[in-house]
Amino acid sequence: MTQQVPPVLPLAPVERIIRKAGAERVAEDAGVELAKVLEDYGLEVSREAMNLAKHAGRTTVKEEDIRLAVSRIKKFG
């Protein structure tokens, strides 16, 4: 049996996002799945932002790196 790794993001805020989209009720597994998706996307954005900061000669990731990373991922993803 494979043990699942729990998501890093807290489930309550993730479930609130689903309800904010219009759902009246949210199954726990739906919250867990969305948390996984958000974490995967967050890691992708963070890696790209880190590369952008590194390219600029910085070790600090700035807001502008995150914004540019998102736009690059949307463009090429």
N, C-alpha and C. Protein backbone atom coordinates (compact mmCIF):
# COMPACT_ATOMS: atom_id res chain seq x y z
N MET A 1 0.84 -1.19 0.00
CA MET A 1 0.00 0.00 0.00
C MET A 1 0.88 1.25 0.00
N THR A 2 0.60 2.21 -0.87
CA THR A 2 1.37 3.43 -0.98
C THR A 2 0.84 4.46 0.01
N GLN A 3 1.76 5.02 0.76
CA GLN A 3 1.37 6.05 1.73
C GLN A 3 1.36 7.40 1.02
N GLN A 4 0.28 8.15 1.18
CA GLN A 4 0.19 9.46 0.55
C GLN A 4 0.84 10.51 1.42
N VAL A 5 1.54 11.43 0.78
CA VAL A 5 2.14 12.55 1.49
C VAL A 5 1.09 13.63 1.62
N PRO A 6 0.85 14.12 2.84
CA PRO A 6 -0.16 15.17 2.99
C PRO A 6 0.29 16.47 2.33
N PRO A 7 -0.65 17.25 1.85
CA PRO A 7 -0.28 18.52 1.21
C PRO A 7 0.33 19.49 2.23
N VAL A 8 1.18 20.36 1.74
CA VAL A 8 1.81 21.37 2.58
C VAL A 8 0.80 22.47 2.92
N LEU A 9 -0.04 22.80 1.96
CA LEU A 9 -1.03 23.86 2.18
C LEU A 9 -2.13 23.38 3.12
N PRO A 10 -2.55 24.24 4.04
CA PRO A 10 -3.66 23.86 4.92
C PRO A 10 -4.95 23.68 4.11
N LEU A 11 -5.72 22.67 4.46
CA LEU A 11 -6.92 22.35 3.68
C LEU A 11 -8.04 23.38 3.82
N ALA A 12 -8.18 23.98 4.99
CA ALA A 12 -9.29 24.94 5.18
C ALA A 12 -9.24 26.09 4.17
N PRO A 13 -8.11 26.76 3.97
CA PRO A 13 -8.08 27.84 2.97
C PRO A 13 -8.30 27.32 1.54
N VAL A 14 -7.80 26.13 1.25
CA VAL A 14 -7.99 25.55 -0.08
C VAL A 14 -9.48 25.27 -0.31
N GLU A 15 -10.13 24.73 0.68
CA GLU A 15 -11.57 24.48 0.56
C GLU A 15 -12.35 25.78 0.44
N ARG A 16 -11.88 26.84 1.10
CA ARG A 16 -12.54 28.16 0.96
C ARG A 16 -12.43 28.66 -0.47
N ILE A 17 -11.31 28.39 -1.12
CA ILE A 17 -11.16 28.79 -2.52
C ILE A 17 -12.21 28.08 -3.38
N ILE A 18 -12.42 26.81 -3.14
CA ILE A 18 -13.42 26.05 -3.90
C ILE A 18 -14.82 26.62 -3.63
N ARG A 19 -15.12 26.92 -2.36
CA ARG A 19 -16.44 27.51 -2.04
C ARG A 19 -16.58 28.90 -2.64
N LYS A 20 -15.48 29.65 -2.67
CA LYS A 20 -15.52 30.99 -3.27
C LYS A 20 -15.86 30.90 -4.76
N ALA A 21 -15.49 29.79 -5.38
CA ALA A 21 -15.81 29.56 -6.79
C ALA A 21 -17.27 29.18 -6.99
N GLY A 22 -17.98 28.93 -5.88
CA GLY A 22 -19.41 28.67 -5.98
C GLY A 22 -19.89 27.35 -5.43
N ALA A 23 -18.99 26.49 -4.97
CA ALA A 23 -19.42 25.20 -4.42
C ALA A 23 -20.06 25.39 -3.04
N GLU A 24 -21.15 24.71 -2.81
CA GLU A 24 -21.79 24.78 -1.49
C GLU A 24 -21.10 23.85 -0.50
N ARG A 25 -20.71 22.67 -0.98
CA ARG A 25 -20.05 21.69 -0.13
C ARG A 25 -18.79 21.20 -0.85
N VAL A 26 -17.78 20.82 -0.06
CA VAL A 26 -16.51 20.39 -0.63
C VAL A 26 -16.08 19.09 0.07
N ALA A 27 -15.90 18.04 -0.70
CA ALA A 27 -15.39 16.79 -0.14
C ALA A 27 -13.92 16.99 0.23
N GLU A 28 -13.49 16.31 1.30
CA GLU A 28 -12.11 16.46 1.76
C GLU A 28 -11.11 16.09 0.66
N ASP A 29 -11.41 15.03 -0.09
CA ASP A 29 -10.47 14.62 -1.14
C ASP A 29 -10.36 15.66 -2.25
N ALA A 30 -11.40 16.46 -2.45
CA ALA A 30 -11.34 17.55 -3.43
C ALA A 30 -10.37 18.62 -2.95
N GLY A 31 -10.44 18.95 -1.67
CA GLY A 31 -9.52 19.93 -1.10
C GLY A 31 -8.08 19.45 -1.17
N VAL A 32 -7.87 18.18 -0.87
CA VAL A 32 -6.52 17.59 -0.92
C VAL A 32 -5.99 17.64 -2.35
N GLU A 33 -6.83 17.30 -3.31
CA GLU A 33 -6.39 17.30 -4.72
C GLU A 33 -6.06 18.70 -5.20
N LEU A 34 -6.89 19.69 -4.87
CA LEU A 34 -6.59 21.06 -5.27
C LEU A 34 -5.31 21.54 -4.59
N ALA A 35 -5.11 21.19 -3.34
CA ALA A 35 -3.88 21.57 -2.64
C ALA A 35 -2.66 21.02 -3.38
N LYS A 36 -2.74 19.77 -3.84
CA LYS A 36 -1.63 19.18 -4.60
C LYS A 36 -1.36 19.95 -5.89
N VAL A 37 -2.44 20.29 -6.59
CA VAL A 37 -2.31 21.02 -7.85
C VAL A 37 -1.68 22.39 -7.59
N LEU A 38 -2.17 23.08 -6.56
CA LEU A 38 -1.63 24.40 -6.23
C LEU A 38 -0.16 24.32 -5.82
N GLU A 39 0.19 23.30 -5.06
CA GLU A 39 1.58 23.12 -4.66
C GLU A 39 2.47 22.85 -5.86
N ASP A 40 2.02 22.00 -6.77
CA ASP A 40 2.80 21.70 -7.98
C ASP A 40 3.03 22.97 -8.79
N TYR A 41 1.97 23.75 -8.97
CA TYR A 41 2.08 25.00 -9.73
C TYR A 41 2.98 25.98 -8.99
N GLY A 42 2.83 26.07 -7.68
CA GLY A 42 3.66 26.96 -6.88
C GLY A 42 5.13 26.60 -6.98
N LEU A 43 5.43 25.31 -6.98
CA LEU A 43 6.82 24.88 -7.14
C LEU A 43 7.37 25.26 -8.51
N GLU A 44 6.55 25.08 -9.53
CA GLU A 44 6.97 25.43 -10.89
C GLU A 44 7.27 26.93 -10.99
N VAL A 45 6.38 27.74 -10.47
CA VAL A 45 6.57 29.20 -10.48
C VAL A 45 7.80 29.57 -9.66
N SER A 46 7.95 28.96 -8.50
CA SER A 46 9.08 29.28 -7.62
C SER A 46 10.42 28.92 -8.27
N ARG A 47 10.47 27.78 -8.93
CA ARG A 47 11.72 27.38 -9.61
C ARG A 47 12.07 28.37 -10.71
N GLU A 48 11.08 28.75 -11.50
CA GLU A 48 11.32 29.71 -12.57
C GLU A 48 11.74 31.07 -11.99
N ALA A 49 11.08 31.50 -10.92
CA ALA A 49 11.43 32.77 -10.28
C ALA A 49 12.85 32.73 -9.72
N MET A 50 13.22 31.60 -9.14
CA MET A 50 14.57 31.43 -8.61
C MET A 50 15.60 31.54 -9.73
N ASN A 51 15.30 30.92 -10.87
CA ASN A 51 16.21 31.02 -12.01
C ASN A 51 16.33 32.45 -12.52
N LEU A 52 15.23 33.18 -12.53
CA LEU A 52 15.26 34.58 -12.96
C LEU A 52 16.09 35.43 -12.00
N ALA A 53 15.92 35.22 -10.71
CA ALA A 53 16.70 35.97 -9.72
C ALA A 53 18.19 35.64 -9.86
N LYS A 54 18.49 34.37 -10.04
CA LYS A 54 19.88 33.93 -10.20
C LYS A 54 20.49 34.57 -11.45
N HIS A 55 19.72 34.60 -12.54
CA HIS A 55 20.18 35.21 -13.78
C HIS A 55 20.48 36.70 -13.58
N ALA A 56 19.71 37.34 -12.71
CA ALA A 56 19.91 38.77 -12.41
C ALA A 56 21.02 38.99 -11.39
N GLY A 57 21.66 37.90 -10.93
CA GLY A 57 22.75 38.03 -9.98
C GLY A 57 22.30 38.21 -8.55
N ARG A 58 21.07 37.78 -8.27
CA ARG A 58 20.53 37.91 -6.91
C ARG A 58 20.28 36.54 -6.31
N THR A 59 20.30 36.50 -4.98
CA THR A 59 19.90 35.28 -4.27
C THR A 59 18.50 35.44 -3.69
N THR A 60 17.98 36.65 -3.74
CA THR A 60 16.64 36.93 -3.22
C THR A 60 15.63 36.93 -4.35
N VAL A 61 14.57 36.16 -4.19
CA VAL A 61 13.47 36.15 -5.16
C VAL A 61 12.54 37.31 -4.81
N LYS A 62 12.28 38.15 -5.80
CA LYS A 62 11.43 39.34 -5.60
C LYS A 62 10.07 39.13 -6.25
N GLU A 63 9.17 40.03 -5.90
CA GLU A 63 7.82 39.99 -6.48
C GLU A 63 7.89 40.01 -8.00
N GLU A 64 8.76 40.81 -8.55
CA GLU A 64 8.88 40.91 -10.01
C GLU A 64 9.30 39.57 -10.62
N ASP A 65 10.12 38.80 -9.90
CA ASP A 65 10.51 37.48 -10.39
C ASP A 65 9.31 36.54 -10.45
N ILE A 66 8.47 36.60 -9.42
CA ILE A 66 7.27 35.76 -9.38
C ILE A 66 6.34 36.13 -10.53
N ARG A 67 6.10 37.44 -10.70
CA ARG A 67 5.20 37.89 -11.77
C ARG A 67 5.72 37.48 -13.15
N LEU A 68 7.02 37.66 -13.37
CA LEU A 68 7.61 37.30 -14.66
C LEU A 68 7.58 35.78 -14.86
N ALA A 69 7.83 35.04 -13.80
CA ALA A 69 7.78 33.58 -13.88
C ALA A 69 6.39 33.11 -14.28
N VAL A 70 5.36 33.68 -13.68
CA VAL A 70 3.98 33.30 -14.02
C VAL A 70 3.70 33.60 -15.48
N SER A 71 4.10 34.77 -15.94
CA SER A 71 3.83 35.12 -17.34
C SER A 71 4.61 34.22 -18.29
N ARG A 72 5.83 33.84 -17.93
CA ARG A 72 6.61 32.94 -18.78
C ARG A 72 6.00 31.54 -18.82
N ILE A 73 5.53 31.06 -17.68
CA ILE A 73 4.93 29.73 -17.63
C ILE A 73 3.64 29.71 -18.45
N LYS A 74 2.84 30.76 -18.34
CA LYS A 74 1.60 30.83 -19.13
C LYS A 74 1.92 30.87 -20.62
N LYS A 75 2.98 31.59 -20.97
CA LYS A 75 3.36 31.76 -22.37
C LYS A 75 3.88 30.45 -22.98
N PHE A 76 4.69 29.73 -22.22
CA PHE A 76 5.33 28.53 -22.76
C PHE A 76 4.65 27.23 -22.28
N GLY A 77 3.76 27.33 -21.30
CA GLY A 77 3.14 26.13 -20.76
C GLY A 77 1.94 25.75 -21.51
